[in-house]
Amino acid sequence: MPETNSSPNIHTNTSTKADNLAASVISSSTTQEIYDVVVVGAGPVGLATAIGLRKRGIENVLVIDQTRAFRQVGQTVDLLPNGLKSLKYLDSNAYEEVKNIGLALLNPKQSNGQKTVEPIQGQQPPKAPPQWVYKNLQGKIIQSISLSFDEWFQDYGEGRVSISWYNLQTTLRQLFPEDRVKANHRCINVMNEPENGCVRIDCVSDTQTESNPYAYWADGQKDNDMQPQNSDIATQETATKSIRAKLIVAADGMNSTVRRLLYTDTQYHDFARPEYSGFTAIFCREITEVAKELWAKLEEDFFQGSRVVTITNDGISGNSVIINNTSMMLFRRPTGELGYIIHLALPLESLQGKSESSLINLALQELEKAGFPDSLKQLVRISPPAKMQQRSYYIHRATISDSLQVSNPTDLNTEADPAKILPAWSVGRIVLVGDAAHGMPPFMAQGANQGFEDALIVTTLIAKIAENNNWDDLQAIAKAFEKYECLRRPLIAYVQQATLKRSPPSSDKESQEYSQQVYSRNFAQVIEAL
């Protein structure tokens, strides 16, 4: 692990104006409550961490988030066996609530992995389990993935559910004391306070929303409509407050403010912000007017009764898929509208400042180059410009390159060029989890799942710190966080490598290896090893 000061003098901020404002209102009162843990970020991973801590007897926990209000944002999240197993170990009640909501969305009569509901006499025979199908440009199936909870449970000891990001966040938030989750708290500064045995977080409220180019979908914009990104200018209505904690768990996402504060003024400044992964997506939310002839062609060649299908120009060689750079996911909403997501390998600048119409033209150009059939290009041509969005995918790499592959993060503590050494996921009393530590594109649906794994490991280790009353033992804290990183980084590197291939494992051997590494692990043994 890179050499770090176990008690760093962390004192940094995101803007001079914000710093001046913070200095003018923050008192140095030592009578203020010091929380055991403050979780920065009230997304699913942050909330799961807080719930896990509370389940383990650590109740003096606060969760803060920069959002002004909890709104319906984000896409559908696929919770796979490893994520659900982690959530179950974190808190069985949280697991049951999330699982039941996901199952209700898929099929109200879906079983729970233990008992299957028998069909009553006279009832229609059960439909075949839903499948996520991958097809080539000629409509031939390359691969299909079951979406059945029971089939996944049978194979991996846990099922699979899909749930909207907002519903997942809301479900977890309702399982945590309402007064311990604070919105409208944007972190602008962190400072070590050794005299108080804690870290201080300075937050601003009622400030203008900071643009975030690293997450969610952005509508196409004309060049003269582009807003400045990552503005940290505080308005006159800004209120600033300080929060103190013995430990900070930063679960504030891909564009993590805490990560930026920790790394910006250090030798690891290149890792303060996410790196563009090389992949992007163009998305049309819905197309309501589709000619009957086009509908019939898409149904005959691709949908064939399914609600979602991924079409790729990948070729097949033996038992392996030759992965290319373009894929198109078609979906039809329950209300009948068509939509699509096109994943592309493009330079980042090719998307910046694109208007809605320009996104359509760019998508058509790339589909033409990749040899996609006329029916799919025709669908893109009739896309309503107002429904077009784009998203660039970013990553916090777990390894720098193939030339610096490591089996253990401690191997990174070498005499190599510091610019080529990855920073640790913790500094003193602060630890990064989820996307803040290792965000990646969503191609293998492992962002939230790996985040839940982080939450399980971190809460288990923090519980041991509390059990041994080691809140003031910086060496014990450092060892705990080092153990977390040593356990998690090699797996994250493996998952990121699979993710950037942008395709499910194609051969039986690859599939079995991936499933064993990611889905089939025994989490009881993992926890016992801690």
Protein backbone atom coordinates (compact mmCIF):
# COMPACT_ATOMS: atom_id res chain seq x y z
CA MET A 1 0.00 0.00 0.00
CA PRO A 2 1.32 3.51 -0.71
CA GLU A 3 2.95 5.08 2.31
CA THR A 4 0.48 7.25 4.15
CA ASN A 5 0.54 9.20 7.36
CA SER A 6 -1.83 7.46 9.73
CA SER A 7 -2.76 10.85 11.16
CA PRO A 8 -2.65 13.16 8.14
CA ASN A 9 -3.08 16.89 8.41
CA ILE A 10 -5.99 16.91 6.01
CA HIS A 11 -7.07 20.45 5.32
CA THR A 12 -8.27 21.19 1.86
CA ASN A 13 -11.33 22.59 0.13
CA THR A 14 -12.91 23.07 -3.25
CA SER A 15 -12.74 26.82 -3.65
CA THR A 16 -11.25 29.91 -2.03
CA LYS A 17 -14.66 31.53 -1.63
CA ALA A 18 -16.07 28.44 0.05
CA ASP A 19 -13.01 28.24 2.31
CA ASN A 20 -13.33 31.84 3.39
CA LEU A 21 -17.00 31.31 4.11
CA ALA A 22 -16.28 28.15 6.09
CA ALA A 23 -13.61 29.86 8.16
CA SER A 24 -15.98 32.67 9.03
CA VAL A 25 -18.70 30.49 10.52
CA ILE A 26 -17.07 27.32 11.86
CA SER A 27 -16.44 27.36 15.56
CA SER A 28 -13.79 25.27 17.27
CA SER A 29 -16.17 24.11 19.96
CA THR A 30 -15.04 20.88 21.59
CA THR A 31 -18.48 20.29 23.10
CA GLN A 32 -20.07 19.49 19.74
CA GLU A 33 -21.20 15.88 19.35
CA ILE A 34 -18.59 13.63 17.81
CA TYR A 35 -20.21 10.82 15.87
CA ASP A 36 -18.66 7.40 15.79
CA VAL A 37 -19.06 7.28 12.00
CA VAL A 38 -20.24 9.79 9.41
CA VAL A 39 -21.18 8.27 6.06
CA VAL A 40 -20.84 10.75 3.19
CA GLY A 41 -23.34 9.80 0.50
CA ALA A 42 -26.94 8.63 0.97
CA GLY A 43 -27.05 6.38 -2.08
CA PRO A 44 -27.69 2.65 -1.70
CA VAL A 45 -24.09 1.84 -0.75
CA GLY A 46 -23.84 4.60 1.86
CA LEU A 47 -27.20 3.69 3.38
CA ALA A 48 -26.34 -0.03 3.39
CA THR A 49 -23.12 0.83 5.24
CA ALA A 50 -25.02 2.86 7.83
CA ILE A 51 -27.62 0.10 8.28
CA GLY A 52 -24.87 -2.48 8.68
CA LEU A 53 -23.13 -0.39 11.33
CA ARG A 54 -26.36 0.05 13.27
CA LYS A 55 -27.08 -3.67 13.04
CA ARG A 56 -23.67 -4.25 14.68
CA GLY A 57 -24.46 -1.98 17.61
CA ILE A 58 -22.87 1.24 16.35
CA GLU A 59 -25.83 3.62 16.58
CA ASN A 60 -24.01 6.95 16.74
CA VAL A 61 -23.94 7.20 12.96
CA LEU A 62 -24.90 10.08 10.66
CA VAL A 63 -25.47 9.95 6.89
CA ILE A 64 -25.10 13.17 4.88
CA ASP A 65 -25.72 13.85 1.19
CA GLN A 66 -25.33 16.87 -1.04
CA THR A 67 -28.71 16.44 -2.75
CA ARG A 68 -31.25 19.08 -1.73
CA ALA A 69 -34.02 16.48 -1.70
CA PHE A 70 -34.32 12.79 -2.46
CA ARG A 71 -35.71 12.71 -5.99
CA GLN A 72 -36.47 9.98 -8.51
CA VAL A 73 -33.17 9.88 -10.35
CA GLY A 74 -31.02 7.05 -11.62
CA GLN A 75 -31.66 3.97 -13.68
CA THR A 76 -32.60 0.37 -12.90
CA VAL A 77 -30.11 -1.49 -10.71
CA ASP A 78 -29.57 -5.24 -11.16
CA LEU A 79 -28.79 -6.84 -7.81
CA LEU A 80 -26.93 -10.08 -8.45
CA PRO A 81 -26.08 -12.94 -6.07
CA ASN A 82 -22.94 -11.34 -4.63
CA GLY A 83 -24.72 -8.07 -3.90
CA LEU A 84 -27.78 -9.74 -2.39
CA LYS A 85 -25.60 -12.05 -0.28
CA SER A 86 -23.71 -9.03 1.03
CA LEU A 87 -26.94 -7.17 1.80
CA LYS A 88 -28.29 -10.21 3.63
CA TYR A 89 -25.20 -10.34 5.84
CA LEU A 90 -25.39 -6.59 6.41
CA ASP A 91 -29.01 -6.77 7.58
CA SER A 92 -31.44 -9.58 6.81
CA ASN A 93 -34.42 -7.21 7.12
CA ALA A 94 -32.94 -4.86 4.48
CA TYR A 95 -32.35 -7.89 2.24
CA GLU A 96 -35.96 -9.07 2.55
CA GLU A 97 -37.41 -5.63 1.87
CA VAL A 98 -35.26 -5.05 -1.21
CA LYS A 99 -35.74 -8.56 -2.54
CA ASN A 100 -39.51 -8.45 -2.20
CA ILE A 101 -39.78 -5.14 -4.03
CA GLY A 102 -37.59 -6.44 -6.84
CA LEU A 103 -39.58 -9.67 -7.13
CA ALA A 104 -42.88 -7.80 -7.16
CA LEU A 105 -41.69 -5.75 -10.12
CA LEU A 106 -40.65 -8.86 -12.06
CA ASN A 107 -43.51 -11.18 -11.12
CA PRO A 108 -45.85 -10.79 -8.13
CA LYS A 109 -46.06 -14.59 -7.79
CA GLN A 110 -42.33 -15.26 -8.13
CA SER A 111 -41.03 -17.64 -5.49
CA ASN A 112 -38.60 -16.70 -2.76
CA GLY A 113 -35.90 -19.25 -3.57
CA GLN A 114 -37.17 -21.72 -0.98
CA LYS A 115 -40.76 -22.56 -1.95
CA THR A 116 -42.32 -22.34 -5.38
CA VAL A 117 -45.99 -21.46 -5.64
CA GLU A 118 -47.89 -24.37 -7.21
CA PRO A 119 -50.26 -23.44 -10.05
CA ILE A 120 -53.90 -23.79 -9.11
CA GLN A 121 -56.24 -25.98 -11.16
CA GLY A 122 -57.44 -24.25 -14.28
CA GLN A 123 -54.73 -21.60 -14.12
CA GLN A 124 -52.79 -20.84 -17.29
CA PRO A 125 -49.45 -22.72 -17.43
CA PRO A 126 -46.55 -20.60 -16.20
CA LYS A 127 -44.69 -18.58 -18.75
CA ALA A 128 -41.09 -19.38 -19.53
CA PRO A 129 -38.65 -17.52 -17.25
CA PRO A 130 -37.71 -14.13 -18.70
CA GLN A 131 -34.40 -13.98 -20.53
CA TRP A 132 -31.97 -11.23 -21.44
CA VAL A 133 -30.99 -12.17 -24.99
CA TYR A 134 -27.87 -11.13 -26.92
CA LYS A 135 -28.16 -11.38 -30.70
CA ASN A 136 -25.90 -10.67 -33.63
CA LEU A 137 -26.79 -8.35 -36.51
CA GLN A 138 -28.62 -11.17 -38.28
CA GLY A 139 -30.85 -11.85 -35.26
CA LYS A 140 -29.07 -15.06 -34.24
CA ILE A 141 -28.83 -15.63 -30.49
CA ILE A 142 -25.27 -15.33 -29.21
CA GLN A 143 -26.12 -15.74 -25.55
CA SER A 144 -29.10 -15.57 -23.21
CA ILE A 145 -29.14 -14.78 -19.50
CA SER A 146 -32.02 -15.84 -17.27
CA LEU A 147 -33.71 -13.11 -15.24
CA SER A 148 -35.44 -15.66 -12.98
CA PHE A 149 -34.70 -15.25 -9.28
CA ASP A 150 -35.12 -18.98 -8.74
CA GLU A 151 -32.72 -20.05 -11.48
CA TRP A 152 -30.00 -17.78 -10.14
CA PHE A 153 -30.73 -19.02 -6.61
CA GLN A 154 -30.37 -22.61 -7.72
CA ASP A 155 -27.05 -21.95 -9.45
CA TYR A 156 -25.39 -19.57 -6.97
CA GLY A 157 -27.21 -19.87 -3.65
CA GLU A 158 -28.83 -16.47 -4.14
CA GLY A 159 -31.12 -14.90 -6.70
CA ARG A 160 -31.23 -11.84 -8.90
CA VAL A 161 -33.64 -8.90 -8.82
CA SER A 162 -33.95 -5.59 -10.65
CA ILE A 163 -35.05 -2.45 -8.84
CA SER A 164 -34.94 1.24 -9.67
CA TRP A 165 -32.11 3.17 -8.03
CA TYR A 166 -34.61 5.47 -6.33
CA ASN A 167 -36.73 2.61 -4.96
CA LEU A 168 -33.58 0.93 -3.67
CA GLN A 169 -32.44 4.15 -2.00
CA THR A 170 -35.90 4.81 -0.55
CA THR A 171 -36.27 1.28 0.82
CA LEU A 172 -32.92 1.46 2.60
CA ARG A 173 -33.50 5.02 3.82
CA GLN A 174 -36.77 3.98 5.47
CA LEU A 175 -34.87 1.34 7.46
CA PHE A 176 -32.61 3.95 9.06
CA PRO A 177 -33.66 6.60 11.61
CA GLU A 178 -35.03 9.55 9.67
CA ASP A 179 -33.24 12.14 11.79
CA ARG A 180 -29.88 10.51 11.04
CA VAL A 181 -30.04 11.03 7.26
CA LYS A 182 -29.36 14.64 6.30
CA ALA A 183 -29.85 15.96 2.77
CA ASN A 184 -28.49 19.33 1.60
CA HIS A 185 -25.08 18.78 3.21
CA ARG A 186 -22.38 19.16 0.56
CA CYS A 187 -18.88 18.44 1.80
CA ILE A 188 -16.37 21.19 0.96
CA ASN A 189 -13.57 20.50 3.40
CA VAL A 190 -12.14 17.80 5.65
CA MET A 191 -9.64 18.45 8.42
CA ASN A 192 -7.93 16.15 10.87
CA GLU A 193 -8.39 17.25 14.51
CA PRO A 194 -5.99 15.09 16.51
CA GLU A 195 -6.69 17.09 19.65
CA ASN A 196 -10.29 15.90 19.50
CA GLY A 197 -9.51 12.42 18.18
CA CYS A 198 -11.65 12.93 15.10
CA VAL A 199 -11.98 14.33 11.61
CA ARG A 200 -14.00 17.46 10.91
CA ILE A 201 -16.21 17.74 7.85
CA ASP A 202 -17.30 21.18 6.70
CA CYS A 203 -20.56 21.21 4.74
CA VAL A 204 -22.56 23.83 2.90
CA SER A 205 -26.32 23.89 2.47
CA ASP A 206 -28.66 25.75 0.14
CA THR A 207 -25.93 26.21 -2.41
CA GLN A 208 -26.32 26.00 -6.17
CA THR A 209 -26.30 22.49 -7.52
CA GLU A 210 -22.89 21.32 -8.67
CA SER A 211 -22.87 19.91 -12.19
CA ASN A 212 -21.74 16.30 -12.26
CA PRO A 213 -20.48 15.04 -15.62
CA TYR A 214 -19.68 11.60 -14.25
CA ALA A 215 -23.13 10.18 -13.48
CA TYR A 216 -26.66 9.81 -14.82
CA TRP A 217 -27.87 10.89 -18.24
CA ALA A 218 -27.41 14.34 -19.77
CA ASP A 219 -29.77 15.83 -22.31
CA GLY A 220 -28.16 16.91 -25.55
CA GLN A 221 -27.15 20.55 -25.34
CA LYS A 222 -26.07 23.15 -27.81
CA ASP A 223 -22.64 24.63 -27.31
CA ASN A 224 -23.97 27.98 -26.12
CA ASP A 225 -26.26 26.24 -23.63
CA MET A 226 -23.51 24.32 -21.86
CA GLN A 227 -23.23 25.17 -18.17
CA PRO A 228 -19.90 25.33 -16.32
CA GLN A 229 -19.17 21.99 -14.70
CA ASN A 230 -18.08 21.41 -11.11
CA SER A 231 -18.84 24.95 -10.02
CA ASP A 232 -18.22 25.38 -6.31
CA ILE A 233 -19.21 29.03 -6.04
CA ALA A 234 -21.29 29.55 -2.93
CA THR A 235 -24.37 31.77 -3.04
CA GLN A 236 -25.23 34.42 -0.48
CA GLU A 237 -27.81 32.04 1.03
CA THR A 238 -25.16 29.43 1.80
CA ALA A 239 -25.05 28.13 5.34
CA THR A 240 -21.96 26.29 6.54
CA LYS A 241 -21.69 23.84 9.40
CA SER A 242 -19.12 21.44 10.80
CA ILE A 243 -19.61 17.80 11.67
CA ARG A 244 -17.08 15.74 13.58
CA ALA A 245 -16.60 11.98 13.51
CA LYS A 246 -14.16 9.37 14.69
CA LEU A 247 -14.34 7.74 11.27
CA ILE A 248 -15.60 8.84 7.84
CA VAL A 249 -16.88 6.40 5.24
CA ALA A 250 -16.95 8.15 1.86
CA ALA A 251 -19.68 6.59 -0.28
CA ASP A 252 -20.28 9.70 -2.36
CA GLY A 253 -20.08 8.12 -5.78
CA MET A 254 -17.96 8.32 -8.89
CA ASN A 255 -17.45 12.07 -8.60
CA SER A 256 -16.55 11.75 -4.93
CA THR A 257 -15.85 15.07 -3.24
CA VAL A 258 -14.02 13.33 -0.41
CA ARG A 259 -11.74 11.55 -2.88
CA ARG A 260 -11.02 14.84 -4.61
CA LEU A 261 -10.19 16.53 -1.31
CA LEU A 262 -7.87 13.70 -0.26
CA TYR A 263 -5.86 13.48 -3.48
CA THR A 264 -5.88 16.87 -5.23
CA ASP A 265 -2.86 18.43 -3.49
CA THR A 266 -0.83 15.22 -3.26
CA GLN A 267 1.36 13.13 -5.55
CA TYR A 268 -1.86 11.26 -6.43
CA HIS A 269 -3.61 14.30 -7.90
CA ASP A 270 -4.15 12.49 -11.21
CA PHE A 271 -6.49 10.11 -9.39
CA ALA A 272 -8.57 12.81 -7.70
CA ARG A 273 -11.21 12.71 -10.44
CA PRO A 274 -12.51 9.77 -12.47
CA GLU A 275 -10.87 8.70 -15.70
CA TYR A 276 -12.89 8.40 -18.88
CA SER A 277 -13.27 4.69 -19.62
CA GLY A 278 -13.30 5.10 -23.40
CA PHE A 279 -16.97 4.12 -23.66
CA THR A 280 -20.12 6.16 -23.89
CA ALA A 281 -23.83 5.70 -24.49
CA ILE A 282 -26.53 7.42 -26.54
CA PHE A 283 -30.02 6.89 -25.22
CA CYS A 284 -33.52 7.51 -26.55
CA ARG A 285 -36.11 7.39 -23.78
CA GLU A 286 -39.09 6.57 -25.96
CA ILE A 287 -40.34 6.54 -29.54
CA THR A 288 -44.12 6.60 -29.69
CA GLU A 289 -44.73 6.68 -33.45
CA VAL A 290 -43.29 3.64 -35.21
CA ALA A 291 -44.59 2.49 -38.59
CA LYS A 292 -46.24 -0.94 -38.60
CA GLU A 293 -43.75 -2.25 -41.14
CA LEU A 294 -40.80 -1.25 -38.94
CA TRP A 295 -42.46 -2.71 -35.85
CA ALA A 296 -43.00 -5.99 -37.67
CA LYS A 297 -39.38 -6.11 -38.86
CA LEU A 298 -37.96 -5.44 -35.39
CA GLU A 299 -40.27 -8.03 -33.85
CA GLU A 300 -39.43 -10.68 -36.44
CA ASP A 301 -35.67 -10.17 -36.40
CA PHE A 302 -34.91 -9.18 -32.81
CA PHE A 303 -37.64 -8.96 -30.16
CA GLN A 304 -39.46 -12.22 -30.92
CA GLY A 305 -41.74 -11.69 -27.92
CA SER A 306 -39.07 -10.36 -25.53
CA ARG A 307 -39.24 -6.95 -23.88
CA VAL A 308 -35.49 -6.33 -24.07
CA VAL A 309 -32.75 -7.55 -26.39
CA THR A 310 -29.13 -6.52 -26.96
CA ILE A 311 -27.88 -6.49 -30.54
CA THR A 312 -24.14 -6.54 -31.11
CA ASN A 313 -21.80 -6.75 -34.05
CA ASP A 314 -19.63 -9.19 -32.10
CA GLY A 315 -18.45 -12.13 -34.16
CA ILE A 316 -18.21 -15.75 -33.08
CA SER A 317 -15.02 -17.81 -33.30
CA GLY A 318 -15.35 -21.31 -31.93
CA ASN A 319 -16.76 -21.00 -28.41
CA SER A 320 -15.62 -17.40 -27.94
CA VAL A 321 -17.16 -14.05 -28.76
CA ILE A 322 -14.96 -11.58 -30.63
CA ILE A 323 -15.90 -8.34 -28.93
CA ASN A 324 -16.23 -5.19 -31.02
CA ASN A 325 -17.13 -1.67 -29.98
CA THR A 326 -20.81 -1.17 -30.73
CA SER A 327 -23.94 -2.65 -29.20
CA MET A 328 -27.57 -1.58 -29.12
CA MET A 329 -30.06 -2.52 -26.44
CA LEU A 330 -33.68 -2.36 -27.61
CA PHE A 331 -36.49 -2.26 -25.07
CA ARG A 332 -40.20 -1.72 -25.11
CA ARG A 333 -41.96 -0.15 -22.18
CA PRO A 334 -45.09 -1.69 -20.65
CA THR A 335 -47.03 1.19 -22.19
CA GLY A 336 -45.83 0.19 -25.67
CA GLU A 337 -43.18 2.77 -26.52
CA LEU A 338 -39.83 1.70 -27.95
CA GLY A 339 -36.49 2.88 -26.66
CA TYR A 340 -32.81 2.05 -27.06
CA ILE A 341 -29.34 2.49 -25.61
CA ILE A 342 -26.35 2.42 -27.96
CA HIS A 343 -22.96 1.73 -26.36
CA LEU A 344 -19.98 3.03 -28.29
CA ALA A 345 -16.22 3.33 -27.99
CA LEU A 346 -15.64 7.03 -28.69
CA PRO A 347 -13.26 9.83 -27.76
CA LEU A 348 -14.76 11.93 -24.98
CA GLU A 349 -14.61 15.13 -27.03
CA SER A 350 -16.87 13.63 -29.70
CA LEU A 351 -19.84 13.96 -27.35
CA GLN A 352 -19.14 17.27 -25.69
CA GLY A 353 -21.54 20.01 -26.67
CA LYS A 354 -23.66 17.79 -28.89
CA SER A 355 -27.25 18.87 -29.44
CA GLU A 356 -30.09 16.36 -29.49
CA SER A 357 -30.06 16.21 -33.30
CA SER A 358 -26.29 15.82 -33.31
CA LEU A 359 -26.61 12.79 -31.04
CA ILE A 360 -28.91 11.17 -33.59
CA ASN A 361 -26.45 11.86 -36.41
CA LEU A 362 -23.53 10.55 -34.35
CA ALA A 363 -25.42 7.36 -33.51
CA LEU A 364 -26.29 6.81 -37.18
CA GLN A 365 -22.67 7.30 -38.24
CA GLU A 366 -21.44 4.72 -35.72
CA LEU A 367 -24.15 2.19 -36.59
CA GLU A 368 -23.28 2.59 -40.26
CA LYS A 369 -19.59 1.98 -39.57
CA ALA A 370 -20.42 -1.10 -37.52
CA GLY A 371 -22.63 -2.55 -40.25
CA PHE A 372 -25.92 -2.48 -38.34
CA PRO A 373 -29.04 -3.34 -40.38
CA ASP A 374 -31.30 -0.68 -41.93
CA SER A 375 -34.18 -1.41 -39.55
CA LEU A 376 -32.12 -0.32 -36.53
CA LYS A 377 -30.80 2.76 -38.30
CA GLN A 378 -34.34 3.63 -39.35
CA LEU A 379 -35.42 3.47 -35.71
CA VAL A 380 -32.68 5.93 -34.77
CA ARG A 381 -33.70 8.28 -37.61
CA ILE A 382 -37.24 8.63 -36.23
CA SER A 383 -36.04 9.29 -32.66
CA PRO A 384 -37.60 12.47 -31.22
CA PRO A 385 -34.68 14.87 -30.57
CA ALA A 386 -36.23 15.95 -27.26
CA LYS A 387 -35.98 12.36 -26.03
CA MET A 388 -32.26 11.97 -26.74
CA GLN A 389 -29.68 11.76 -23.95
CA GLN A 390 -26.04 10.81 -23.63
CA ARG A 391 -23.79 9.50 -20.90
CA SER A 392 -20.04 9.04 -20.79
CA TYR A 393 -18.77 6.23 -18.60
CA TYR A 394 -15.94 6.79 -16.12
CA ILE A 395 -13.76 4.57 -13.96
CA HIS A 396 -11.48 4.60 -10.91
CA ARG A 397 -9.08 1.83 -11.88
CA ALA A 398 -7.99 -0.79 -9.40
CA THR A 399 -4.79 -1.33 -11.42
CA ILE A 400 -2.90 1.08 -13.65
CA SER A 401 -2.18 -1.23 -16.57
CA ASP A 402 -1.39 -4.80 -17.48
CA SER A 403 2.25 -4.06 -16.73
CA LEU A 404 1.36 -3.25 -13.13
CA GLN A 405 -0.93 -6.14 -12.27
CA VAL A 406 -0.72 -7.04 -8.60
CA SER A 407 -2.27 -9.77 -6.52
CA ASN A 408 -2.12 -7.73 -3.34
CA PRO A 409 -2.38 -3.94 -2.90
CA THR A 410 0.60 -3.96 -0.54
CA ASP A 411 2.75 -4.85 -3.55
CA LEU A 412 2.18 -1.29 -4.76
CA ASN A 413 4.46 0.11 -2.05
CA THR A 414 7.53 0.14 -4.30
CA GLU A 415 10.14 2.55 -5.57
CA ALA A 416 8.22 3.05 -8.82
CA ASP A 417 7.25 6.40 -10.22
CA PRO A 418 4.67 7.83 -7.75
CA ALA A 419 2.55 9.01 -10.67
CA LYS A 420 2.11 5.35 -11.64
CA ILE A 421 1.25 4.09 -8.15
CA LEU A 422 -2.40 3.96 -7.21
CA PRO A 423 -3.36 5.76 -4.01
CA ALA A 424 -4.76 3.82 -1.09
CA TRP A 425 -8.50 3.70 -0.51
CA SER A 426 -8.03 5.15 2.96
CA VAL A 427 -6.20 8.02 4.60
CA GLY A 428 -6.10 8.05 8.39
CA ARG A 429 -9.67 7.99 9.68
CA ILE A 430 -11.23 8.22 6.20
CA VAL A 431 -12.05 5.27 3.94
CA LEU A 432 -13.52 5.19 0.42
CA VAL A 433 -16.14 2.62 -0.58
CA GLY A 434 -18.19 1.83 -3.67
CA ASP A 435 -17.84 4.04 -6.71
CA ALA A 436 -15.76 6.54 -4.73
CA ALA A 437 -13.04 3.89 -4.51
CA HIS A 438 -13.46 1.88 -7.72
CA GLY A 439 -16.30 3.13 -9.92
CA MET A 440 -16.69 1.46 -13.29
CA PRO A 441 -19.08 1.38 -16.28
CA PRO A 442 -22.33 -0.55 -15.76
CA PHE A 443 -21.82 -3.20 -18.46
CA MET A 444 -21.59 -6.12 -16.01
CA ALA A 445 -24.00 -4.62 -13.44
CA GLN A 446 -21.41 -4.76 -10.64
CA GLY A 447 -21.31 -1.16 -9.39
CA ALA A 448 -23.92 -1.45 -6.63
CA ASN A 449 -23.12 -5.12 -6.01
CA GLN A 450 -19.44 -4.50 -5.38
CA GLY A 451 -20.41 -1.48 -3.29
CA PHE A 452 -22.52 -3.71 -1.05
CA GLU A 453 -19.53 -6.02 -0.70
CA ASP A 454 -17.42 -3.04 0.38
CA ALA A 455 -20.08 -2.08 2.91
CA LEU A 456 -20.08 -5.58 4.39
CA ILE A 457 -16.31 -5.70 4.83
CA VAL A 458 -15.98 -2.13 6.15
CA THR A 459 -18.83 -2.47 8.66
CA THR A 460 -17.39 -5.75 9.93
CA LEU A 461 -13.97 -4.16 10.46
CA ILE A 462 -15.37 -1.00 12.05
CA ALA A 463 -17.42 -3.19 14.40
CA LYS A 464 -14.16 -4.81 15.53
CA ILE A 465 -12.66 -1.35 16.12
CA ALA A 466 -15.66 -0.52 18.30
CA GLU A 467 -15.58 -3.88 20.09
CA ASN A 468 -11.94 -3.36 21.04
CA ASN A 469 -12.50 0.34 21.80
CA ASN A 470 -9.80 1.26 19.30
CA TRP A 471 -11.37 4.55 18.20
CA ASP A 472 -8.22 6.42 19.25
CA ASP A 473 -5.74 3.81 18.00
CA LEU A 474 -4.69 5.13 14.59
CA GLN A 475 -2.50 2.10 13.96
CA ALA A 476 -5.43 -0.27 14.53
CA ILE A 477 -7.63 1.84 12.25
CA ALA A 478 -4.97 1.85 9.52
CA LYS A 479 -4.57 -1.94 9.76
CA ALA A 480 -8.32 -2.44 9.51
CA PHE A 481 -8.64 -0.30 6.40
CA GLU A 482 -5.54 -1.93 4.88
CA LYS A 483 -7.15 -5.33 5.41
CA TYR A 484 -10.30 -4.07 3.64
CA GLU A 485 -8.27 -2.92 0.65
CA CYS A 486 -6.10 -6.03 0.48
CA LEU A 487 -9.22 -8.16 0.34
CA ARG A 488 -11.18 -6.05 -2.10
CA ARG A 489 -8.73 -4.62 -4.64
CA PRO A 490 -7.75 -7.86 -6.46
CA LEU A 491 -11.41 -8.80 -6.99
CA ILE A 492 -12.28 -5.29 -8.16
CA ALA A 493 -9.42 -5.45 -10.68
CA TYR A 494 -10.82 -8.72 -12.01
CA VAL A 495 -14.38 -7.36 -12.26
CA GLN A 496 -13.20 -4.16 -13.94
CA GLN A 497 -11.28 -6.17 -16.52
CA ALA A 498 -14.42 -8.19 -17.33
CA THR A 499 -16.50 -5.01 -17.39
CA LEU A 500 -14.28 -3.26 -19.91
CA LYS A 501 -14.65 -6.27 -22.22
CA ARG A 502 -18.30 -5.19 -22.35
CA SER A 503 -19.71 -8.68 -22.78
CA PRO A 504 -20.77 -11.57 -20.55
CA PRO A 505 -18.21 -14.39 -20.41
CA SER A 506 -18.75 -16.29 -23.62
CA SER A 507 -17.15 -19.71 -23.27
CA ASP A 508 -18.22 -22.24 -20.65
CA LYS A 509 -14.80 -22.07 -19.02
CA GLU A 510 -14.83 -18.25 -18.81
CA SER A 511 -18.39 -18.24 -17.54
CA GLN A 512 -17.68 -20.77 -14.81
CA GLU A 513 -14.57 -18.90 -13.71
CA TYR A 514 -16.37 -15.56 -13.58
CA SER A 515 -19.37 -17.03 -11.75
CA GLN A 516 -17.13 -18.70 -9.20
CA GLN A 517 -15.09 -15.55 -8.61
CA VAL A 518 -18.03 -13.14 -8.45
CA TYR A 519 -21.31 -14.92 -7.65
CA SER A 520 -20.43 -18.13 -5.83
CA ARG A 521 -18.16 -16.96 -3.02
CA ASN A 522 -18.83 -18.07 0.53
CA PHE A 523 -19.31 -14.80 2.42
CA ALA A 524 -19.39 -16.58 5.78
CA GLN A 525 -15.78 -17.59 5.16
CA VAL A 526 -14.90 -14.08 4.04
CA ILE A 527 -16.26 -12.56 7.24
CA GLU A 528 -14.66 -15.24 9.40
CA ALA A 529 -11.28 -14.43 7.81
CA LEU A 530 -11.60 -10.84 9.02
